[in-house]
Each structure stands twice: as C-alpha cells, then as structure tokens.
Amino acid sequence: MLRIENLTYCIQNKKILNSINLHVQQGSLHACLGPNGSGKSTLLRNICNIWKAKQGKIYIQNQNIKNISRKKISQLVTLVPQDTHIAFPITVQELVLLGRSPHLHRFQAHTEDDFQITMQSMQKVGIEHLAKKLATEISGGERQLSWLACALTTQAPLLLLDEPTASLDIHHTLQIFQILQYLKQQGLTIFVVLHELQYAYNYFDTVTLLHHGKIHATGKPENILTQTNIQTIFQVQAECQTTETNKKLFHFLLPTRATNCFK
C-alpha cells in the first residue's frame, strides 16, 4: 500500500528526514512514534505531497505520487492534522461533506451519492446525531470525530492521522482507537503519529520509531517497543506489565541523572 524509498527532506539545508525507507502493508494499522522534533509530522506531509522532498520516492498503491495529479493524490490519501480548529460556522454535515471535494469537477454541485457517503461516514464514527449542529459549538472530541468522518468521506484507501488523541479525554481516546480498528477491518490502511506508546503497543499492527529524522527501528510492537529502544529514543526508563486482558501497561521514570536538576 505505502512504500517509501530513500526519502530525504530538508528545510534551509537542514535535514529533517534522512534516508527514510518504510513499507506499510495494506489493511494495517501503523503507528509512528518518536520525541518532539523527530520528523513525524513532516513525514506525514511528505506522504500526502503537501511538502515535496527533492530526494526519494513515495508510492501509494504502486503509484509514484510525483507522477500523478494533486487531485488524484487526494483520492488516494487523506490527512487529519493536529489542529482541527474551525474558524467559521458550518454544520457538522457540511464539514464532513468537504471530504467529497477531490471527486468533484470545478463548480460541480454535490450529488445525492455525495450526501449518502457523507451520512455513512458520520455513522461509522458515531456522530450522525450531530449532523445539524454547528461544528464550532461541539466538543473537542466530537470535532476530532467530525474531521475523521470528513477524511473517510474522501474514500481514500490510505488514512493519515497526526496525533488524533491529543488533548482528548480517555473516553474519546479509546473511541478513536476502536474506530480505527473497525476501519482497518473494512480494508483501510491507517498511518498514525502518536506519543502514547501504550496505545501503540495494544492497538497497532506495526510501529516505527523515528529519532533525529531517521528510522531507529520498525516492526511489530512487541519487537520494537522494548526497554532498550524506549530508553535510547525517549531517555526514560520503562517497565511493562501484562493485564488480565493481555494488554500491556507501561510505567515510565526519568533516569537518575535527569532528576538531579530538581534537587
């Protein structure tokens, strides 16, 4: 589904991403983890061709995104960014309907199919009851679900999410991950930037650790999210225990040398 070959991205001659090689299987949930500034969000923007790297290739469904139109890319991949603030009063249904834009010609009106796909997307994430509410007047969790429904309305096979649970309460956080698992079962390929290692371990098929713009490790969570890797990448000591439901709970501590500054 997604294949990245030797991707290097620079800003003012500074390498933000350095020789990224990555393959994400179709119909899988993939998490990208790493410290602040490691290049995670930059990688997402390169995948959907918002930012264009001079070196390297990105393939989506075996199509090099450099060789296809902006409109075609928008039909293949869609991004839910971190900042989901809405500055103007539109209804949730109107917001979700924006996802049909890549399928419309200039000045073309929405069809009955567009409205039907919009309602189906809202139903998939459980917000159909919000259809007539103003998107500026709903909660942060409901707004995140609305943007997710908008992304689904594009019907793109590759879904990118940049920290979708940031600032959400535990209810909406778990709801997001359960929805993502459901969408994976429907055949979507989902690439998520996360900070929560515990959710990455328990909900995702594969993970990638980014460090200083390079891939430190990639693979199954149980092989990648080890004490050694976590301490190397995040500079914390990690302990892990298994719950009765076979989930993993992580406990983190700053190393002794890092806590000396508080004494």
C-alpha atoms as a PDB file:
ATOM      1  CA  MET A   1       0.000   0.000   0.000  1.00  0.00           C
ATOM      2  CA  LEU A   2       2.570   2.609   1.151  1.00  0.00           C
ATOM      3  CA  ARG A   3       6.211   2.350   0.166  1.00  0.00           C
ATOM      4  CA  ILE A   4       8.848   4.985   0.919  1.00  0.00           C
ATOM      5  CA  GLU A   5      12.302   4.736  -0.627  1.00  0.00           C
ATOM      6  CA  ASN A   6      15.316   6.766   0.472  1.00  0.00           C
ATOM      7  CA  LEU A   7      13.254   9.837   1.396  1.00  0.00           C
ATOM      8  CA  THR A   8      15.257  12.875   2.499  1.00  0.00           C
ATOM      9  CA  TYR A   9      13.608  16.206   3.260  1.00  0.00           C
ATOM     10  CA  CYS A  10      15.447  19.426   4.068  1.00  0.00           C
ATOM     11  CA  ILE A  11      14.471  22.884   5.290  1.00  0.00           C
ATOM     12  CA  GLN A  12      17.134  25.529   4.624  1.00  0.00           C
ATOM     13  CA  ASN A  13      19.749  22.810   4.077  1.00  0.00           C
ATOM     14  CA  LYS A  14      18.905  21.151   7.410  1.00  0.00           C
ATOM     15  CA  LYS A  15      17.869  17.506   7.090  1.00  0.00           C
ATOM     16  CA  ILE A  16      14.514  16.963   8.784  1.00  0.00           C
ATOM     17  CA  LEU A  17      14.105  13.462   7.336  1.00  0.00           C
ATOM     18  CA  ASN A  18      17.166  11.435   6.408  1.00  0.00           C
ATOM     19  CA  SER A  19      17.067   8.365   4.129  1.00  0.00           C
ATOM     20  CA  ILE A  20      13.651   7.063   5.204  1.00  0.00           C
ATOM     21  CA  ASN A  21      12.798   3.582   3.919  1.00  0.00           C
ATOM     22  CA  LEU A  22       9.456   2.178   5.028  1.00  0.00           C
ATOM     23  CA  HIS A  23       6.781  -0.258   3.840  1.00  0.00           C
ATOM     24  CA  VAL A  24       3.268  -0.302   5.309  1.00  0.00           C
ATOM     25  CA  GLN A  25       1.085  -3.256   4.383  1.00  0.00           C
ATOM     26  CA  GLN A  26      -2.416  -2.759   3.005  1.00  0.00           C
ATOM     27  CA  GLY A  27      -5.175  -3.054   5.604  1.00  0.00           C
ATOM     28  CA  SER A  28      -2.906  -2.460   8.589  1.00  0.00           C
ATOM     29  CA  LEU A  29      -2.687  -0.025  11.499  1.00  0.00           C
ATOM     30  CA  HIS A  30       0.766   1.565  11.660  1.00  0.00           C
ATOM     31  CA  ALA A  31       1.983   3.939  14.372  1.00  0.00           C
ATOM     32  CA  CYS A  32       4.859   6.373  14.011  1.00  0.00           C
ATOM     33  CA  LEU A  33       6.460   7.279  17.345  1.00  0.00           C
ATOM     34  CA  GLY A  34       9.317   9.489  18.412  1.00  0.00           C
ATOM     35  CA  PRO A  35      10.302  12.515  20.506  1.00  0.00           C
ATOM     36  CA  ASN A  36       9.152  16.028  19.651  1.00  0.00           C
ATOM     37  CA  GLY A  37      11.051  17.271  16.626  1.00  0.00           C
ATOM     38  CA  SER A  38      11.955  13.820  15.330  1.00  0.00           C
ATOM     39  CA  GLY A  39      10.193  14.393  11.983  1.00  0.00           C
ATOM     40  CA  LYS A  40       6.882  12.575  12.447  1.00  0.00           C
ATOM     41  CA  SER A  41       4.540  15.302  11.204  1.00  0.00           C
ATOM     42  CA  THR A  42       6.975  16.171   8.428  1.00  0.00           C
ATOM     43  CA  LEU A  43       6.819  12.575   7.245  1.00  0.00           C
ATOM     44  CA  LEU A  44       3.017  12.722   7.040  1.00  0.00           C
ATOM     45  CA  ARG A  45       3.136  15.896   4.958  1.00  0.00           C
ATOM     46  CA  ASN A  46       5.604  14.295   2.588  1.00  0.00           C
ATOM     47  CA  ILE A  47       3.423  11.195   2.201  1.00  0.00           C
ATOM     48  CA  CYS A  48       0.447  13.253   1.054  1.00  0.00           C
ATOM     49  CA  ASN A  49       2.686  15.548  -1.034  1.00  0.00           C
ATOM     50  CA  ILE A  50       1.895  18.752   0.868  1.00  0.00           C
ATOM     51  CA  TRP A  51       5.654  19.095   1.290  1.00  0.00           C
ATOM     52  CA  LYS A  52       7.776  17.772  -1.558  1.00  0.00           C
ATOM     53  CA  ALA A  53      11.126  16.174  -0.974  1.00  0.00           C
ATOM     54  CA  LYS A  54      13.804  16.534  -3.632  1.00  0.00           C
ATOM     55  CA  GLN A  55      15.259  13.115  -2.890  1.00  0.00           C
ATOM     56  CA  GLY A  56      13.448   9.804  -2.581  1.00  0.00           C
ATOM     57  CA  LYS A  57      10.221   8.238  -3.784  1.00  0.00           C
ATOM     58  CA  ILE A  58       6.817   7.630  -2.228  1.00  0.00           C
ATOM     59  CA  TYR A  59       4.473   5.031  -3.701  1.00  0.00           C
ATOM     60  CA  ILE A  60       0.792   4.645  -2.823  1.00  0.00           C
ATOM     61  CA  GLN A  61      -0.803   1.587  -4.388  1.00  0.00           C
ATOM     62  CA  ASN A  62       2.325   1.290  -6.550  1.00  0.00           C
ATOM     63  CA  GLN A  63       1.863   4.818  -7.924  1.00  0.00           C
ATOM     64  CA  ASN A  64       4.690   7.315  -7.522  1.00  0.00           C
ATOM     65  CA  ILE A  65       2.990  10.427  -6.121  1.00  0.00           C
ATOM     66  CA  LYS A  66       5.380  12.656  -8.070  1.00  0.00           C
ATOM     67  CA  ASN A  67       3.846  11.398 -11.300  1.00  0.00           C
ATOM     68  CA  ILE A  68       0.159  11.911 -10.530  1.00  0.00           C
ATOM     69  CA  SER A  69      -2.031  14.992 -10.142  1.00  0.00           C
ATOM     70  CA  ARG A  70      -2.874  16.751  -6.885  1.00  0.00           C
ATOM     71  CA  LYS A  71      -6.491  15.689  -7.316  1.00  0.00           C
ATOM     72  CA  LYS A  72      -5.549  12.040  -7.809  1.00  0.00           C
ATOM     73  CA  ILE A  73      -3.310  12.126  -4.724  1.00  0.00           C
ATOM     74  CA  SER A  74      -6.257  13.486  -2.717  1.00  0.00           C
ATOM     75  CA  GLN A  75      -8.278  10.470  -3.828  1.00  0.00           C
ATOM     76  CA  LEU A  76      -5.541   8.085  -2.675  1.00  0.00           C
ATOM     77  CA  VAL A  77      -4.537   9.566   0.672  1.00  0.00           C
ATOM     78  CA  THR A  78      -6.159  11.900   3.184  1.00  0.00           C
ATOM     79  CA  LEU A  79      -4.695  13.621   6.255  1.00  0.00           C
ATOM     80  CA  VAL A  80      -6.333  14.570   9.562  1.00  0.00           C
ATOM     81  CA  PRO A  81      -3.967  17.210  11.009  1.00  0.00           C
ATOM     82  CA  GLN A  82      -3.270  18.069  14.649  1.00  0.00           C
ATOM     83  CA  ASP A  83      -5.032  21.429  14.519  1.00  0.00           C
ATOM     84  CA  THR A  84      -8.720  20.822  13.899  1.00  0.00           C
ATOM     85  CA  HIS A  85      -9.860  24.321  14.869  1.00  0.00           C
ATOM     86  CA  ILE A  86     -12.804  25.621  12.840  1.00  0.00           C
ATOM     87  CA  ALA A  87     -12.944  29.374  12.331  1.00  0.00           C
ATOM     88  CA  PHE A  88     -16.303  29.712  10.570  1.00  0.00           C
ATOM     89  CA  PRO A  89     -19.803  28.443  11.439  1.00  0.00           C
ATOM     90  CA  ILE A  90     -20.714  25.396   9.358  1.00  0.00           C
ATOM     91  CA  THR A  91     -22.683  22.354  10.386  1.00  0.00           C
ATOM     92  CA  VAL A  92     -21.028  19.037  11.083  1.00  0.00           C
ATOM     93  CA  GLN A  93     -22.662  17.607   7.960  1.00  0.00           C
ATOM     94  CA  GLU A  94     -21.252  20.441   5.844  1.00  0.00           C
ATOM     95  CA  LEU A  95     -17.808  19.854   7.364  1.00  0.00           C
ATOM     96  CA  VAL A  96     -17.896  16.129   6.607  1.00  0.00           C
ATOM     97  CA  LEU A  97     -19.193  16.829   3.093  1.00  0.00           C
ATOM     98  CA  LEU A  98     -15.955  18.711   2.353  1.00  0.00           C
ATOM     99  CA  GLY A  99     -14.352  15.292   2.009  1.00  0.00           C
ATOM    100  CA  ARG A 100     -16.085  14.834  -1.337  1.00  0.00           C
ATOM    101  CA  SER A 101     -14.172  17.751  -2.899  1.00  0.00           C
ATOM    102  CA  PRO A 102     -11.474  15.574  -4.565  1.00  0.00           C
ATOM    103  CA  HIS A 103     -14.209  13.829  -6.545  1.00  0.00           C
ATOM    104  CA  LEU A 104     -15.893  16.968  -7.893  1.00  0.00           C
ATOM    105  CA  HIS A 105     -15.141  18.940 -11.022  1.00  0.00           C
ATOM    106  CA  ARG A 106     -14.875  22.712 -10.773  1.00  0.00           C
ATOM    107  CA  PHE A 107     -18.273  24.290  -9.987  1.00  0.00           C
ATOM    108  CA  GLN A 108     -19.884  20.840  -9.844  1.00  0.00           C
ATOM    109  CA  ALA A 109     -22.682  20.531  -7.279  1.00  0.00           C
ATOM    110  CA  HIS A 110     -22.822  17.692  -4.761  1.00  0.00           C
ATOM    111  CA  THR A 111     -24.882  14.706  -5.832  1.00  0.00           C
ATOM    112  CA  GLU A 112     -27.215  12.503  -3.850  1.00  0.00           C
ATOM    113  CA  ASP A 113     -24.390   9.934  -3.690  1.00  0.00           C
ATOM    114  CA  ASP A 114     -22.138  12.535  -2.040  1.00  0.00           C
ATOM    115  CA  PHE A 115     -24.716  13.175   0.683  1.00  0.00           C
ATOM    116  CA  GLN A 116     -25.236   9.441   1.176  1.00  0.00           C
ATOM    117  CA  ILE A 117     -21.478   8.813   1.533  1.00  0.00           C
ATOM    118  CA  THR A 118     -21.295  11.716   3.989  1.00  0.00           C
ATOM    119  CA  MET A 119     -24.022  10.231   6.183  1.00  0.00           C
ATOM    120  CA  GLN A 120     -22.393   6.787   6.048  1.00  0.00           C
ATOM    121  CA  SER A 121     -19.088   8.292   7.197  1.00  0.00           C
ATOM    122  CA  MET A 122     -20.779  10.010  10.122  1.00  0.00           C
ATOM    123  CA  GLN A 123     -22.463   6.756  11.067  1.00  0.00           C
ATOM    124  CA  LYS A 124     -19.127   4.902  11.007  1.00  0.00           C
ATOM    125  CA  VAL A 125     -17.709   7.209  13.681  1.00  0.00           C
ATOM    126  CA  GLY A 126     -20.995   7.592  15.571  1.00  0.00           C
ATOM    127  CA  ILE A 127     -21.745  11.293  15.018  1.00  0.00           C
ATOM    128  CA  GLU A 128     -24.813  11.192  12.772  1.00  0.00           C
ATOM    129  CA  HIS A 129     -26.818  12.793  15.607  1.00  0.00           C
ATOM    130  CA  LEU A 130     -24.557  15.868  15.320  1.00  0.00           C
ATOM    131  CA  ALA A 131     -25.284  16.433  11.610  1.00  0.00           C
ATOM    132  CA  LYS A 132     -27.189  19.699  12.054  1.00  0.00           C
ATOM    133  CA  LYS A 133     -25.099  21.098  14.902  1.00  0.00           C
ATOM    134  CA  LEU A 134     -22.572  23.837  14.263  1.00  0.00           C
ATOM    135  CA  ALA A 135     -19.040  22.452  14.181  1.00  0.00           C
ATOM    136  CA  THR A 136     -17.918  25.490  16.212  1.00  0.00           C
ATOM    137  CA  GLU A 137     -20.215  24.502  19.085  1.00  0.00           C
ATOM    138  CA  ILE A 138     -19.321  20.847  19.654  1.00  0.00           C
ATOM    139  CA  SER A 139     -16.691  19.420  21.994  1.00  0.00           C
ATOM    140  CA  GLY A 140     -13.078  18.769  21.058  1.00  0.00           C
ATOM    141  CA  GLY A 141     -13.665  15.030  20.943  1.00  0.00           C
ATOM    142  CA  GLU A 142     -16.725  15.436  18.735  1.00  0.00           C
ATOM    143  CA  ARG A 143     -14.796  17.793  16.461  1.00  0.00           C
ATOM    144  CA  GLN A 144     -11.983  15.249  16.082  1.00  0.00           C
ATOM    145  CA  LEU A 145     -14.534  12.592  15.144  1.00  0.00           C
ATOM    146  CA  SER A 146     -16.071  15.029  12.627  1.00  0.00           C
ATOM    147  CA  TRP A 147     -12.712  15.541  10.901  1.00  0.00           C
ATOM    148  CA  LEU A 148     -12.176  11.788  10.886  1.00  0.00           C
ATOM    149  CA  ALA A 149     -15.570  11.373   9.197  1.00  0.00           C
ATOM    150  CA  CYS A 150     -14.543  14.052   6.682  1.00  0.00           C
ATOM    151  CA  ALA A 151     -11.413  12.045   5.885  1.00  0.00           C
ATOM    152  CA  LEU A 152     -13.485   8.890   5.400  1.00  0.00           C
ATOM    153  CA  THR A 153     -15.789  10.748   3.013  1.00  0.00           C
ATOM    154  CA  THR A 154     -12.908  11.083   0.544  1.00  0.00           C
ATOM    155  CA  GLN A 155     -12.953   7.255   0.330  1.00  0.00           C
ATOM    156  CA  ALA A 156      -9.156   7.317   0.085  1.00  0.00           C
ATOM    157  CA  PRO A 157      -7.573   3.901   0.803  1.00  0.00           C
ATOM    158  CA  LEU A 158      -4.764   5.454   2.898  1.00  0.00           C
ATOM    159  CA  LEU A 159      -5.652   7.460   6.014  1.00  0.00           C
ATOM    160  CA  LEU A 160      -3.066   9.616   7.828  1.00  0.00           C
ATOM    161  CA  LEU A 161      -3.695  10.988  11.322  1.00  0.00           C
ATOM    162  CA  ASP A 162      -1.408  13.373  13.193  1.00  0.00           C
ATOM    163  CA  GLU A 163      -1.810  12.836  16.958  1.00  0.00           C
ATOM    164  CA  PRO A 164      -5.580  12.209  16.739  1.00  0.00           C
ATOM    165  CA  THR A 165      -5.998  11.788  20.512  1.00  0.00           C
ATOM    166  CA  ALA A 166      -4.027  14.845  21.648  1.00  0.00           C
ATOM    167  CA  SER A 167      -5.982  16.723  24.336  1.00  0.00           C
ATOM    168  CA  LEU A 168      -8.853  14.222  24.264  1.00  0.00           C
ATOM    169  CA  ASP A 169     -10.361  12.642  27.390  1.00  0.00           C
ATOM    170  CA  ILE A 170      -9.981   8.922  27.969  1.00  0.00           C
ATOM    171  CA  HIS A 171     -13.472   8.131  26.607  1.00  0.00           C
ATOM    172  CA  HIS A 172     -12.878   9.814  23.247  1.00  0.00           C
ATOM    173  CA  THR A 173      -9.324   8.460  23.110  1.00  0.00           C
ATOM    174  CA  LEU A 174     -10.496   4.852  23.406  1.00  0.00           C
ATOM    175  CA  GLN A 175     -13.341   5.580  20.997  1.00  0.00           C
ATOM    176  CA  ILE A 176     -10.864   6.816  18.374  1.00  0.00           C
ATOM    177  CA  PHE A 177      -8.719   3.676  18.629  1.00  0.00           C
ATOM    178  CA  GLN A 178     -11.738   1.369  18.477  1.00  0.00           C
ATOM    179  CA  ILE A 179     -12.953   3.195  15.374  1.00  0.00           C
ATOM    180  CA  LEU A 180      -9.518   2.867  13.774  1.00  0.00           C
ATOM    181  CA  GLN A 181      -9.549  -0.875  14.411  1.00  0.00           C
ATOM    182  CA  TYR A 182     -13.001  -1.092  12.818  1.00  0.00           C
ATOM    183  CA  LEU A 183     -11.831   0.904   9.787  1.00  0.00           C
ATOM    184  CA  LYS A 184      -8.836  -1.405   9.411  1.00  0.00           C
ATOM    185  CA  GLN A 185     -11.215  -4.363   9.286  1.00  0.00           C
ATOM    186  CA  GLN A 186     -13.041  -2.534   6.480  1.00  0.00           C
ATOM    187  CA  GLY A 187      -9.795  -2.585   4.465  1.00  0.00           C
ATOM    188  CA  LEU A 188      -8.343   0.876   5.143  1.00  0.00           C
ATOM    189  CA  THR A 189      -4.616   1.340   5.641  1.00  0.00           C
ATOM    190  CA  ILE A 190      -4.050   3.737   8.548  1.00  0.00           C
ATOM    191  CA  PHE A 191      -0.824   5.565   9.437  1.00  0.00           C
ATOM    192  CA  VAL A 192      -0.950   7.390  12.779  1.00  0.00           C
ATOM    193  CA  VAL A 193       1.518   9.694  14.507  1.00  0.00           C
ATOM    194  CA  LEU A 194       1.337   9.064  18.247  1.00  0.00           C
ATOM    195  CA  HIS A 195       3.034   9.871  21.520  1.00  0.00           C
ATOM    196  CA  GLU A 196       1.229   7.220  23.597  1.00  0.00           C
ATOM    197  CA  LEU A 197       3.418   4.119  23.499  1.00  0.00           C
ATOM    198  CA  GLN A 198       0.901   2.086  25.444  1.00  0.00           C
ATOM    199  CA  TYR A 199      -1.834   2.541  22.834  1.00  0.00           C
ATOM    200  CA  ALA A 200       0.644   1.854  20.048  1.00  0.00           C
ATOM    201  CA  TYR A 201       1.545  -1.447  21.684  1.00  0.00           C
ATOM    202  CA  ASN A 202      -2.050  -2.547  22.328  1.00  0.00           C
ATOM    203  CA  TYR A 203      -3.876  -1.381  19.200  1.00  0.00           C
ATOM    204  CA  PHE A 204      -1.415  -1.303  16.285  1.00  0.00           C
ATOM    205  CA  ASP A 205      -0.082  -3.992  13.958  1.00  0.00           C
ATOM    206  CA  THR A 206       3.284  -2.341  13.333  1.00  0.00           C
ATOM    207  CA  VAL A 207       5.210   0.650  14.654  1.00  0.00           C
ATOM    208  CA  THR A 208       8.112   2.820  13.570  1.00  0.00           C
ATOM    209  CA  LEU A 209      10.444   4.695  15.903  1.00  0.00           C
ATOM    210  CA  LEU A 210      11.816   7.955  14.478  1.00  0.00           C
ATOM    211  CA  HIS A 211      14.852   9.622  16.020  1.00  0.00           C
ATOM    212  CA  HIS A 212      16.552  12.754  14.660  1.00  0.00           C
ATOM    213  CA  GLY A 213      14.822  12.284  11.310  1.00  0.00           C
ATOM    214  CA  LYS A 214      15.963   8.677  10.889  1.00  0.00           C
ATOM    215  CA  ILE A 215      14.190   5.365  11.396  1.00  0.00           C
ATOM    216  CA  HIS A 216      15.638   3.769  14.519  1.00  0.00           C
ATOM    217  CA  ALA A 217      13.510   0.618  14.281  1.00  0.00           C
ATOM    218  CA  THR A 218      10.330  -0.632  12.639  1.00  0.00           C
ATOM    219  CA  GLY A 219       8.274  -3.798  13.036  1.00  0.00           C
ATOM    220  CA  LYS A 220       5.775  -5.403  15.394  1.00  0.00           C
ATOM    221  CA  PRO A 221       5.192  -3.501  18.661  1.00  0.00           C
ATOM    222  CA  GLU A 222       6.421  -6.350  20.850  1.00  0.00           C
ATOM    223  CA  ASN A 223       9.744  -6.354  18.993  1.00  0.00           C
ATOM    224  CA  ILE A 224      10.204  -2.580  18.765  1.00  0.00           C
ATOM    225  CA  LEU A 225       8.801  -1.094  21.980  1.00  0.00           C
ATOM    226  CA  THR A 226      11.453  -2.637  24.201  1.00  0.00           C
ATOM    227  CA  GLN A 227      13.027  -1.159  27.314  1.00  0.00           C
ATOM    228  CA  THR A 228      16.275  -0.607  25.443  1.00  0.00           C
ATOM    229  CA  ASN A 229      14.689   1.181  22.485  1.00  0.00           C
ATOM    230  CA  ILE A 230      12.460   3.310  24.705  1.00  0.00           C
ATOM    231  CA  GLN A 231      15.384   4.410  26.846  1.00  0.00           C
ATOM    232  CA  THR A 232      17.512   5.165  23.783  1.00  0.00           C
ATOM    233  CA  ILE A 233      14.838   7.182  21.964  1.00  0.00           C
ATOM    234  CA  PHE A 234      12.933   8.863  24.791  1.00  0.00           C
ATOM    235  CA  GLN A 235      15.577   8.992  27.526  1.00  0.00           C
ATOM    236  CA  VAL A 236      13.284   7.371  30.091  1.00  0.00           C
ATOM    237  CA  GLN A 237      13.328   4.084  31.941  1.00  0.00           C
ATOM    238  CA  ALA A 238      10.371   1.852  31.081  1.00  0.00           C
ATOM    239  CA  GLU A 239       8.705  -1.011  32.884  1.00  0.00           C
ATOM    240  CA  CYS A 240       5.913  -3.080  31.375  1.00  0.00           C
ATOM    241  CA  GLN A 241       3.303  -5.377  32.910  1.00  0.00           C
ATOM    242  CA  THR A 242       0.600  -7.559  31.358  1.00  0.00           C
ATOM    243  CA  THR A 243      -3.024  -7.145  32.446  1.00  0.00           C
ATOM    244  CA  GLU A 244      -5.639  -9.873  32.853  1.00  0.00           C
ATOM    245  CA  THR A 245      -6.969  -8.990  29.381  1.00  0.00           C
ATOM    246  CA  ASN A 246      -3.488  -9.460  27.883  1.00  0.00           C
ATOM    247  CA  LYS A 247      -2.951  -5.722  27.400  1.00  0.00           C
ATOM    248  CA  LYS A 248       0.341  -4.010  28.215  1.00  0.00           C
ATOM    249  CA  LEU A 249       0.732  -1.250  30.789  1.00  0.00           C
ATOM    250  CA  PHE A 250       3.852   0.915  30.597  1.00  0.00           C
ATOM    251  CA  HIS A 251       5.352   2.779  33.539  1.00  0.00           C
ATOM    252  CA  PHE A 252       7.969   5.441  32.853  1.00  0.00           C
ATOM    253  CA  LEU A 253      10.630   7.010  35.045  1.00  0.00           C
ATOM    254  CA  LEU A 254      13.214   9.653  34.329  1.00  0.00           C
ATOM    255  CA  PRO A 255      16.750   8.320  34.763  1.00  0.00           C
ATOM    256  CA  THR A 256      18.516   9.426  37.947  1.00  0.00           C
ATOM    257  CA  ARG A 257      20.753  11.935  36.174  1.00  0.00           C
ATOM    258  CA  ALA A 258      17.675  13.721  34.759  1.00  0.00           C
ATOM    259  CA  THR A 259      16.051  14.148  38.181  1.00  0.00           C
ATOM    260  CA  ASN A 260      19.118  15.674  39.806  1.00  0.00           C
ATOM    261  CA  CYS A 261      18.160  19.107  38.420  1.00  0.00           C
ATOM    262  CA  PHE A 262      15.116  19.179  40.732  1.00  0.00           C
ATOM    263  CA  LYS A 263      17.213  18.790  43.891  1.00  0.00           C
END
